[in-house]
N, C-alpha and C. Protein backbone atom coordinates (compact mmCIF):
# COMPACT_ATOMS: atom_id res chain seq x y z
N LEU A 1 -16.40 18.37 16.06
CA LEU A 1 -15.23 18.25 15.22
C LEU A 1 -15.40 18.73 13.86
N GLU A 2 -16.53 18.55 13.25
CA GLU A 2 -16.83 19.00 11.93
C GLU A 2 -16.67 20.59 11.91
N LYS A 3 -17.18 21.27 12.90
CA LYS A 3 -17.07 22.71 12.85
C LYS A 3 -15.61 23.22 13.17
N ASP A 4 -14.84 22.43 13.94
CA ASP A 4 -13.46 22.75 14.33
C ASP A 4 -12.54 21.50 14.20
N ILE A 5 -12.26 21.17 13.02
CA ILE A 5 -11.39 19.90 12.86
C ILE A 5 -9.91 20.11 13.26
N SER A 6 -9.57 21.37 13.65
CA SER A 6 -8.28 21.64 14.13
C SER A 6 -7.99 21.05 15.58
N MET A 7 -9.24 20.72 16.23
CA MET A 7 -9.07 20.04 17.51
C MET A 7 -8.33 18.63 17.28
N ILE A 8 -8.48 18.02 16.18
CA ILE A 8 -7.79 16.88 15.79
C ILE A 8 -6.40 17.09 15.12
N SER A 9 -6.47 18.08 14.19
CA SER A 9 -5.23 18.38 13.51
C SER A 9 -5.39 19.75 12.69
N PRO A 10 -4.42 20.58 12.93
CA PRO A 10 -4.50 21.93 12.17
C PRO A 10 -4.25 21.71 10.72
N ASP A 11 -3.81 20.49 10.26
CA ASP A 11 -3.50 20.20 8.92
C ASP A 11 -4.70 19.43 8.16
N TYR A 12 -5.91 19.48 8.85
CA TYR A 12 -7.06 18.88 8.21
C TYR A 12 -8.07 19.92 7.73
N LEU A 13 -8.70 19.63 6.63
CA LEU A 13 -9.84 20.45 6.02
C LEU A 13 -10.99 19.49 5.84
N VAL A 14 -12.14 19.77 6.37
CA VAL A 14 -13.31 18.83 6.16
C VAL A 14 -13.86 19.20 4.79
N ILE A 15 -13.92 18.07 4.00
CA ILE A 15 -14.43 18.32 2.62
C ILE A 15 -15.72 17.47 2.41
N GLY A 16 -16.14 16.72 3.37
CA GLY A 16 -17.39 15.89 3.35
C GLY A 16 -17.81 15.46 4.66
N ARG A 17 -19.16 15.24 4.74
CA ARG A 17 -19.74 14.83 6.04
C ARG A 17 -20.82 13.84 5.67
N GLN A 18 -20.83 12.71 6.26
CA GLN A 18 -21.87 11.64 6.05
C GLN A 18 -21.82 11.25 4.52
N GLY A 19 -20.56 11.11 4.05
CA GLY A 19 -20.37 10.85 2.56
C GLY A 19 -20.66 9.36 2.28
N THR A 20 -21.49 9.15 1.32
CA THR A 20 -21.92 7.85 1.01
C THR A 20 -21.00 7.23 -0.03
N THR A 21 -20.49 6.03 0.28
CA THR A 21 -19.48 5.38 -0.65
C THR A 21 -20.34 4.63 -1.80
N ASP A 22 -19.67 4.19 -2.75
CA ASP A 22 -20.30 3.63 -3.85
C ASP A 22 -20.95 2.21 -3.48
N PHE A 23 -20.62 1.70 -2.31
CA PHE A 23 -21.20 0.40 -1.86
C PHE A 23 -22.05 0.58 -0.66
N GLY A 24 -22.48 1.90 -0.48
CA GLY A 24 -23.48 2.09 0.62
C GLY A 24 -23.04 2.52 1.93
N GLY A 25 -21.69 2.46 2.20
CA GLY A 25 -21.29 2.97 3.51
C GLY A 25 -21.39 4.40 3.70
N ILE A 26 -21.40 4.90 4.94
CA ILE A 26 -21.43 6.27 5.20
C ILE A 26 -20.29 6.75 6.08
N ILE A 27 -19.36 7.48 5.51
CA ILE A 27 -18.12 8.03 6.16
C ILE A 27 -18.56 9.25 6.94
N ASP A 28 -18.18 9.25 8.17
CA ASP A 28 -18.65 10.41 9.11
C ASP A 28 -18.03 11.68 8.59
N LEU A 29 -16.67 11.75 8.42
CA LEU A 29 -16.01 12.91 7.90
C LEU A 29 -15.01 12.60 6.91
N ILE A 30 -14.95 13.24 5.84
CA ILE A 30 -13.87 13.10 4.82
C ILE A 30 -13.12 14.37 4.87
N CYS A 31 -11.80 14.27 5.18
CA CYS A 31 -10.98 15.46 5.28
C CYS A 31 -9.81 15.39 4.25
N MET A 32 -9.22 16.49 3.99
CA MET A 32 -8.01 16.49 3.19
C MET A 32 -6.98 17.24 3.98
N ASP A 33 -5.73 16.76 3.84
CA ASP A 33 -4.64 17.48 4.51
C ASP A 33 -3.94 18.44 3.50
N SER A 34 -2.88 19.16 3.97
CA SER A 34 -2.27 20.19 3.16
C SER A 34 -1.55 19.63 2.07
N SER A 35 -1.33 18.25 1.94
CA SER A 35 -0.56 17.63 0.78
C SER A 35 -1.70 17.15 -0.23
N GLY A 36 -2.94 17.29 -0.01
CA GLY A 36 -3.96 16.91 -0.85
C GLY A 36 -4.39 15.48 -0.63
N ASP A 37 -3.88 14.85 0.41
CA ASP A 37 -4.22 13.44 0.68
C ASP A 37 -5.61 13.47 1.53
N LEU A 38 -6.29 12.35 1.34
CA LEU A 38 -7.58 12.27 2.03
C LEU A 38 -7.38 11.50 3.34
N VAL A 39 -8.34 11.90 4.27
CA VAL A 39 -8.38 11.18 5.65
C VAL A 39 -9.80 10.81 5.95
N VAL A 40 -10.00 9.55 6.22
CA VAL A 40 -11.30 8.97 6.66
C VAL A 40 -11.28 9.19 8.13
N VAL A 41 -12.26 9.96 8.63
CA VAL A 41 -12.49 10.07 10.10
C VAL A 41 -13.80 9.43 10.52
N GLU A 42 -13.61 8.34 11.33
CA GLU A 42 -14.76 7.61 11.76
C GLU A 42 -15.02 7.94 13.22
N LEU A 43 -16.13 8.41 13.56
CA LEU A 43 -16.46 8.89 14.92
C LEU A 43 -17.30 7.93 15.57
N LYS A 44 -17.00 7.64 16.92
CA LYS A 44 -17.70 6.60 17.61
C LYS A 44 -18.03 7.21 19.09
N ARG A 45 -19.13 6.98 19.55
CA ARG A 45 -19.44 7.38 20.97
C ARG A 45 -19.06 6.20 21.83
N GLY A 46 -18.61 6.50 22.94
CA GLY A 46 -18.18 5.50 23.99
C GLY A 46 -16.99 4.67 23.53
N LEU A 47 -17.06 3.44 23.92
CA LEU A 47 -16.04 2.40 23.61
C LEU A 47 -16.05 2.06 22.12
N THR A 48 -14.87 1.86 21.44
CA THR A 48 -14.88 1.42 20.16
C THR A 48 -15.11 -0.15 20.02
N PRO A 49 -16.07 -0.57 19.29
CA PRO A 49 -16.07 -2.01 19.08
C PRO A 49 -15.07 -2.44 18.08
N ARG A 50 -14.59 -3.61 18.01
CA ARG A 50 -13.56 -4.04 17.22
C ARG A 50 -13.95 -3.92 15.66
N GLU A 51 -15.34 -3.97 15.53
CA GLU A 51 -15.76 -3.86 14.07
C GLU A 51 -15.47 -2.48 13.52
N VAL A 52 -15.33 -1.52 14.32
CA VAL A 52 -15.01 -0.17 13.69
C VAL A 52 -13.81 -0.13 12.89
N THR A 53 -12.79 -1.06 13.18
CA THR A 53 -11.66 -1.07 12.39
C THR A 53 -11.85 -1.62 10.95
N ALA A 54 -12.67 -2.67 10.85
CA ALA A 54 -13.02 -3.13 9.56
C ALA A 54 -13.89 -2.21 8.81
N GLN A 55 -14.76 -1.45 9.44
CA GLN A 55 -15.60 -0.34 8.85
C GLN A 55 -14.62 0.73 8.35
N ALA A 56 -13.76 1.18 9.11
CA ALA A 56 -12.84 2.18 8.62
C ALA A 56 -12.03 1.77 7.43
N LEU A 57 -11.56 0.55 7.50
CA LEU A 57 -10.67 -0.05 6.34
C LEU A 57 -11.56 -0.16 5.11
N ASP A 58 -12.79 -0.53 5.26
CA ASP A 58 -13.76 -0.62 4.18
C ASP A 58 -13.96 0.74 3.48
N TYR A 59 -14.03 1.82 4.29
CA TYR A 59 -14.11 3.18 3.69
C TYR A 59 -12.91 3.63 2.98
N ALA A 60 -11.71 3.26 3.61
CA ALA A 60 -10.46 3.57 3.10
C ALA A 60 -10.28 2.89 1.70
N SER A 61 -10.77 1.68 1.57
CA SER A 61 -10.67 0.95 0.40
C SER A 61 -11.42 1.65 -0.75
N TRP A 62 -12.47 2.49 -0.38
CA TRP A 62 -13.28 3.24 -1.40
C TRP A 62 -12.41 4.51 -1.71
N ILE A 63 -11.95 5.24 -0.76
CA ILE A 63 -11.32 6.49 -1.03
C ILE A 63 -10.01 6.39 -1.74
N THR A 64 -9.33 5.21 -1.66
CA THR A 64 -7.94 5.13 -2.16
C THR A 64 -7.75 5.43 -3.63
N ASP A 65 -8.89 5.17 -4.36
CA ASP A 65 -8.81 5.45 -5.85
C ASP A 65 -9.66 6.62 -6.39
N LEU A 66 -10.16 7.42 -5.50
CA LEU A 66 -10.95 8.52 -5.84
C LEU A 66 -10.10 9.52 -6.77
N SER A 67 -10.78 9.83 -7.82
CA SER A 67 -10.05 10.81 -8.76
C SER A 67 -10.23 12.24 -8.32
N HIS A 68 -9.38 13.02 -8.94
CA HIS A 68 -9.44 14.45 -8.70
C HIS A 68 -10.84 14.97 -8.79
N GLN A 69 -11.47 14.65 -9.96
CA GLN A 69 -12.82 15.05 -10.28
C GLN A 69 -13.82 14.61 -9.17
N ARG A 70 -13.72 13.33 -8.80
CA ARG A 70 -14.68 12.84 -7.79
C ARG A 70 -14.52 13.52 -6.46
N ILE A 71 -13.23 13.80 -6.05
CA ILE A 71 -12.97 14.51 -4.83
C ILE A 71 -13.50 15.97 -4.83
N THR A 72 -13.42 16.56 -6.01
CA THR A 72 -13.96 17.91 -6.14
C THR A 72 -15.50 17.91 -6.07
N GLU A 73 -16.06 16.94 -6.67
CA GLU A 73 -17.58 16.65 -6.53
C GLU A 73 -18.00 16.48 -5.06
N ILE A 74 -17.26 15.71 -4.36
CA ILE A 74 -17.55 15.41 -2.85
C ILE A 74 -17.55 16.75 -2.17
N ALA A 75 -16.47 17.48 -2.36
CA ALA A 75 -16.32 18.74 -1.76
C ALA A 75 -17.36 19.75 -2.16
N ALA A 76 -17.83 19.73 -3.44
CA ALA A 76 -18.83 20.67 -3.89
C ALA A 76 -20.24 20.39 -3.17
N GLU A 77 -20.43 19.02 -2.95
CA GLU A 77 -21.67 18.75 -2.26
C GLU A 77 -21.65 19.16 -0.78
N TYR A 78 -20.41 19.35 -0.14
CA TYR A 78 -20.42 19.70 1.17
C TYR A 78 -20.16 21.20 1.39
N LEU A 79 -19.28 21.78 0.70
CA LEU A 79 -18.94 23.18 0.90
C LEU A 79 -20.04 24.14 0.54
N PRO A 80 -20.06 25.30 1.17
CA PRO A 80 -21.13 26.32 0.81
C PRO A 80 -21.14 26.57 -0.66
N GLU A 81 -22.23 26.96 -1.26
CA GLU A 81 -22.32 27.19 -2.72
C GLU A 81 -21.48 28.29 -3.19
N THR A 82 -21.18 29.15 -2.25
CA THR A 82 -20.35 30.44 -2.62
C THR A 82 -18.79 30.14 -2.79
N THR A 83 -18.42 28.95 -2.46
CA THR A 83 -17.00 28.62 -2.51
C THR A 83 -16.72 27.28 -3.25
N ASP A 84 -15.50 27.00 -3.53
CA ASP A 84 -15.06 25.75 -4.10
C ASP A 84 -13.92 25.16 -3.41
N LEU A 85 -13.50 23.94 -3.87
CA LEU A 85 -12.44 23.32 -3.13
C LEU A 85 -11.08 24.07 -3.34
N GLU A 86 -10.85 24.62 -4.36
CA GLU A 86 -9.51 25.31 -4.67
C GLU A 86 -9.47 26.51 -3.71
N SER A 87 -10.45 27.31 -3.65
CA SER A 87 -10.37 28.46 -2.81
C SER A 87 -10.46 28.15 -1.35
N THR A 88 -11.18 27.14 -0.93
CA THR A 88 -11.28 26.68 0.33
C THR A 88 -9.92 26.11 0.84
N PHE A 89 -9.30 25.39 0.00
CA PHE A 89 -7.96 24.85 0.27
C PHE A 89 -6.98 25.96 0.51
N ARG A 90 -6.94 26.92 -0.41
CA ARG A 90 -5.97 28.05 -0.37
C ARG A 90 -6.19 28.83 0.86
N GLU A 91 -7.47 29.04 1.30
CA GLU A 91 -7.75 29.78 2.53
C GLU A 91 -7.33 29.02 3.76
N ALA A 92 -7.52 27.73 3.81
CA ALA A 92 -7.13 26.87 4.92
C ALA A 92 -5.66 26.71 5.13
N PHE A 93 -4.98 26.51 3.97
CA PHE A 93 -3.51 26.20 4.05
C PHE A 93 -2.54 27.29 3.56
N GLY A 94 -3.03 28.27 2.81
CA GLY A 94 -2.23 29.30 2.45
C GLY A 94 -1.40 28.88 1.14
N ILE A 95 -1.78 27.75 0.47
CA ILE A 95 -1.11 27.25 -0.77
C ILE A 95 -2.17 26.90 -1.66
N ASP A 96 -1.78 26.77 -3.02
CA ASP A 96 -2.70 26.24 -3.93
C ASP A 96 -3.00 24.79 -3.90
N LEU A 97 -4.10 24.36 -4.24
CA LEU A 97 -4.42 22.91 -4.25
C LEU A 97 -3.56 22.25 -5.12
N PRO A 98 -2.96 21.06 -4.67
CA PRO A 98 -2.06 20.35 -5.54
C PRO A 98 -2.77 19.84 -6.73
N GLU A 99 -1.94 19.68 -7.81
CA GLU A 99 -2.55 19.12 -9.01
C GLU A 99 -2.94 17.61 -8.91
N THR A 100 -2.13 16.86 -8.10
CA THR A 100 -2.36 15.48 -7.88
C THR A 100 -2.98 15.35 -6.42
N LEU A 101 -4.08 14.83 -6.39
CA LEU A 101 -4.80 14.67 -5.07
C LEU A 101 -4.78 13.20 -4.69
N ASN A 102 -4.80 12.87 -3.48
CA ASN A 102 -5.02 11.56 -2.97
C ASN A 102 -3.97 10.60 -3.27
N GLU A 103 -2.75 10.96 -3.29
CA GLU A 103 -1.66 10.06 -3.54
C GLU A 103 -1.51 9.03 -2.37
N SER A 104 -1.97 9.43 -1.23
CA SER A 104 -1.99 8.59 -0.09
C SER A 104 -3.29 8.92 0.77
N HIS A 105 -3.46 8.20 1.74
CA HIS A 105 -4.66 8.46 2.63
C HIS A 105 -4.40 8.01 4.01
N ASN A 106 -5.14 8.52 4.95
CA ASN A 106 -4.99 8.07 6.44
C ASN A 106 -6.44 7.76 6.86
N ILE A 107 -6.40 6.93 7.95
CA ILE A 107 -7.66 6.50 8.63
C ILE A 107 -7.45 6.95 10.06
N LEU A 108 -8.60 7.64 10.60
CA LEU A 108 -8.38 8.03 12.05
C LEU A 108 -9.88 7.63 12.56
N ILE A 109 -9.77 6.90 13.64
CA ILE A 109 -10.96 6.54 14.44
C ILE A 109 -10.95 7.38 15.70
N VAL A 110 -12.08 8.08 15.85
CA VAL A 110 -12.18 9.04 17.07
C VAL A 110 -13.19 8.44 17.90
N ALA A 111 -12.81 8.26 19.22
CA ALA A 111 -13.85 7.73 20.20
C ALA A 111 -13.58 8.29 21.58
N GLU A 112 -14.47 8.00 22.50
CA GLU A 112 -14.21 8.31 23.90
C GLU A 112 -13.22 7.34 24.55
N SER A 113 -13.30 6.11 24.14
CA SER A 113 -12.41 5.13 24.70
C SER A 113 -12.26 3.98 23.72
N MET A 114 -11.27 3.21 23.86
CA MET A 114 -10.88 2.10 22.89
C MET A 114 -10.80 0.80 23.64
N ASP A 115 -11.31 -0.20 23.00
CA ASP A 115 -11.35 -1.58 23.57
C ASP A 115 -10.01 -2.14 23.25
N SER A 116 -9.55 -3.22 23.99
CA SER A 116 -8.21 -3.78 23.78
C SER A 116 -8.05 -4.45 22.42
N SER A 117 -9.17 -5.04 21.78
CA SER A 117 -8.99 -5.64 20.54
C SER A 117 -8.78 -4.64 19.38
N THR A 118 -9.54 -3.48 19.57
CA THR A 118 -9.28 -2.37 18.64
C THR A 118 -7.81 -1.96 18.63
N GLU A 119 -7.30 -1.75 19.79
CA GLU A 119 -5.83 -1.36 20.10
C GLU A 119 -4.94 -2.28 19.42
N ARG A 120 -5.16 -3.65 19.65
CA ARG A 120 -4.28 -4.68 19.06
C ARG A 120 -4.29 -4.64 17.55
N ILE A 121 -5.56 -4.51 17.04
CA ILE A 121 -5.64 -4.53 15.53
C ILE A 121 -5.08 -3.42 14.87
N VAL A 122 -5.28 -2.17 15.44
CA VAL A 122 -4.66 -0.96 14.85
C VAL A 122 -3.17 -0.85 14.98
N LYS A 123 -2.68 -1.38 16.05
CA LYS A 123 -1.21 -1.46 16.24
C LYS A 123 -0.62 -2.48 15.16
N TYR A 124 -1.30 -3.56 14.96
CA TYR A 124 -0.86 -4.59 14.06
C TYR A 124 -0.81 -4.00 12.56
N LEU A 125 -1.98 -3.35 12.25
CA LEU A 125 -2.05 -2.75 10.92
C LEU A 125 -1.06 -1.65 10.68
N HIS A 126 -0.80 -0.76 11.67
CA HIS A 126 0.12 0.22 11.66
C HIS A 126 1.57 -0.35 11.37
N ALA A 127 1.87 -1.38 12.16
CA ALA A 127 3.22 -1.96 12.03
C ALA A 127 3.44 -2.52 10.66
N ARG A 128 2.38 -2.78 9.79
CA ARG A 128 2.52 -3.29 8.49
C ARG A 128 2.29 -2.24 7.49
N GLY A 129 2.34 -0.92 7.87
CA GLY A 129 2.29 0.21 6.94
C GLY A 129 0.90 0.60 6.65
N ILE A 130 -0.16 0.14 7.24
CA ILE A 130 -1.49 0.67 6.99
C ILE A 130 -1.57 2.01 7.78
N PRO A 131 -2.03 3.12 7.12
CA PRO A 131 -2.10 4.40 7.67
C PRO A 131 -3.36 4.56 8.55
N ILE A 132 -3.37 4.00 9.78
CA ILE A 132 -4.55 4.04 10.62
C ILE A 132 -4.08 4.38 12.02
N ASN A 133 -4.99 5.13 12.73
CA ASN A 133 -4.68 5.52 14.13
C ASN A 133 -6.05 5.70 14.83
N VAL A 134 -6.01 5.72 16.15
CA VAL A 134 -7.05 5.99 16.92
C VAL A 134 -6.86 7.20 17.92
N LEU A 135 -7.79 8.07 17.97
CA LEU A 135 -7.71 9.20 18.91
C LEU A 135 -8.88 9.08 19.91
N THR A 136 -8.43 8.97 21.19
CA THR A 136 -9.52 9.01 22.19
C THR A 136 -9.65 10.46 22.71
N VAL A 137 -10.86 10.86 22.85
CA VAL A 137 -11.22 12.28 23.30
C VAL A 137 -12.18 12.17 24.43
N GLN A 138 -11.87 12.97 25.36
CA GLN A 138 -12.77 13.01 26.60
C GLN A 138 -12.94 14.54 26.93
N HIS A 139 -14.17 14.84 27.17
CA HIS A 139 -14.56 16.27 27.52
C HIS A 139 -14.78 16.32 29.00
N PHE A 140 -14.26 17.39 29.62
CA PHE A 140 -14.46 17.59 31.04
C PHE A 140 -14.95 18.98 31.30
N LYS A 141 -15.64 19.23 32.34
CA LYS A 141 -16.07 20.64 32.80
C LYS A 141 -15.56 20.71 34.25
N SER A 142 -14.73 21.69 34.60
CA SER A 142 -14.29 21.92 35.90
C SER A 142 -15.34 22.58 36.78
N SER A 143 -15.10 22.65 38.04
CA SER A 143 -16.02 23.19 39.05
C SER A 143 -16.41 24.71 38.67
N ASN A 144 -15.41 25.39 38.05
CA ASN A 144 -15.60 26.81 37.65
C ASN A 144 -16.03 26.97 36.20
N ASP A 145 -16.58 25.87 35.67
CA ASP A 145 -17.17 25.83 34.26
C ASP A 145 -16.13 25.93 33.17
N THR A 146 -14.91 25.82 33.46
CA THR A 146 -14.03 25.70 32.40
C THR A 146 -14.08 24.37 31.72
N GLU A 147 -14.06 24.48 30.42
CA GLU A 147 -14.15 23.20 29.67
C GLU A 147 -12.82 22.81 29.18
N LEU A 148 -12.53 21.47 29.33
CA LEU A 148 -11.22 20.84 28.98
C LEU A 148 -11.45 19.79 28.02
N LEU A 149 -10.51 19.50 27.14
CA LEU A 149 -10.59 18.43 26.20
C LEU A 149 -9.32 17.68 26.28
N ALA A 150 -9.39 16.34 26.57
CA ALA A 150 -8.27 15.47 26.68
C ALA A 150 -8.23 14.61 25.45
N GLN A 151 -7.09 14.60 24.75
CA GLN A 151 -6.90 13.79 23.60
C GLN A 151 -5.65 12.95 23.70
N VAL A 152 -5.78 11.69 23.24
CA VAL A 152 -4.62 10.79 23.24
C VAL A 152 -4.68 9.98 22.07
N PHE A 153 -3.62 10.10 21.26
CA PHE A 153 -3.50 9.27 20.01
C PHE A 153 -2.81 7.92 20.38
N LEU A 154 -3.33 6.91 19.86
CA LEU A 154 -2.72 5.56 20.10
C LEU A 154 -1.21 5.54 19.54
N ILE A 155 -1.08 6.06 18.34
CA ILE A 155 0.20 6.18 17.64
C ILE A 155 0.45 7.62 17.44
N GLU A 156 1.69 8.08 17.59
CA GLU A 156 2.04 9.39 17.44
C GLU A 156 1.75 9.83 15.94
N PRO A 157 0.87 10.76 15.65
CA PRO A 157 0.48 11.09 14.37
C PRO A 157 1.62 11.34 13.31
N SER A 158 2.71 11.90 13.66
CA SER A 158 3.84 12.09 12.75
C SER A 158 4.41 10.82 12.37
N ASP A 159 4.40 9.76 13.22
CA ASP A 159 4.88 8.41 12.90
C ASP A 159 4.02 7.81 11.89
N THR A 160 2.73 7.94 11.91
CA THR A 160 1.87 7.36 11.01
C THR A 160 1.97 7.93 9.68
N THR A 161 2.14 9.29 9.54
CA THR A 161 2.22 9.94 8.31
C THR A 161 3.64 9.56 7.62
N GLU A 162 4.71 9.70 8.43
CA GLU A 162 6.00 9.41 7.88
C GLU A 162 6.13 7.98 7.36
N ARG A 163 5.51 6.99 8.10
CA ARG A 163 5.60 5.62 7.70
C ARG A 163 4.85 5.33 6.40
N VAL A 164 3.74 5.98 6.28
CA VAL A 164 3.00 5.79 5.08
C VAL A 164 3.69 6.43 3.86
N LYS A 165 4.28 7.63 3.98
CA LYS A 165 4.97 8.24 2.81
C LYS A 165 6.17 7.53 2.40
N THR A 166 6.89 6.86 3.40
CA THR A 166 8.06 6.09 2.95
C THR A 166 7.68 4.75 2.44
N GLN A 167 6.54 4.25 2.71
CA GLN A 167 6.16 2.87 2.25
C GLN A 167 5.17 2.90 1.06
N SER A 168 4.90 4.07 0.67
CA SER A 168 3.91 4.24 -0.49
C SER A 168 4.33 3.46 -1.73
N LYS A 169 3.50 2.61 -2.26
CA LYS A 169 3.84 1.80 -3.40
C LYS A 169 3.08 2.29 -4.63
N ARG A 170 2.29 3.37 -4.49
CA ARG A 170 1.58 3.89 -5.71
C ARG A 170 2.58 4.33 -6.66
N LYS A 171 2.35 3.99 -7.92
CA LYS A 171 3.24 4.30 -9.01
C LYS A 171 3.02 5.84 -9.41
N GLN A 172 4.11 6.52 -9.60
CA GLN A 172 4.01 7.90 -10.07
C GLN A 172 3.91 7.94 -11.60
N ASN A 173 3.17 8.98 -12.04
CA ASN A 173 3.00 9.15 -13.53
C ASN A 173 4.34 9.77 -13.92
N LEU A 174 4.87 9.12 -14.94
CA LEU A 174 6.12 9.73 -15.43
C LEU A 174 5.87 10.18 -16.85
N SER A 175 6.42 11.31 -17.20
CA SER A 175 6.18 11.83 -18.55
C SER A 175 7.62 12.25 -19.05
N MET A 176 7.75 12.09 -20.35
CA MET A 176 9.10 12.37 -20.93
C MET A 176 8.96 13.48 -21.87
């Protein structure tokens, strides 16, 4: 997924891998979407334990207030030395990096399967406006060696994004 995040979403750009939070947590992938908002991607093999939801929320609590400068630093640690966040963003999305980054964020848990408690918790949080979703991914190989990837989102991704944008309570900077 790190090498081809478009398998999850064509609107994601990986800007960090195994990013360490200020309180010692390690985020599997930190992505940015074309709006300049961050996405915490937590990867799990096999069945998701219910604790993965708390883990992902903990990471989101850290990224929610990251400054433009800190996001640029995270990207600089991850991206090749020959590039920077602005040019990588422009190349990925065909637009300039927004002046304001991280106005909102999303949480995505990616796993092979999901237990019922994770499903209940994520649906509960989503219904209350928390930008969280689960993507189950399974890899298959057919008898003729064709590789197939099956993906199922718990919640339609566009529903998660729209719900968050309409319920955002972050104050906008007003200038006169």
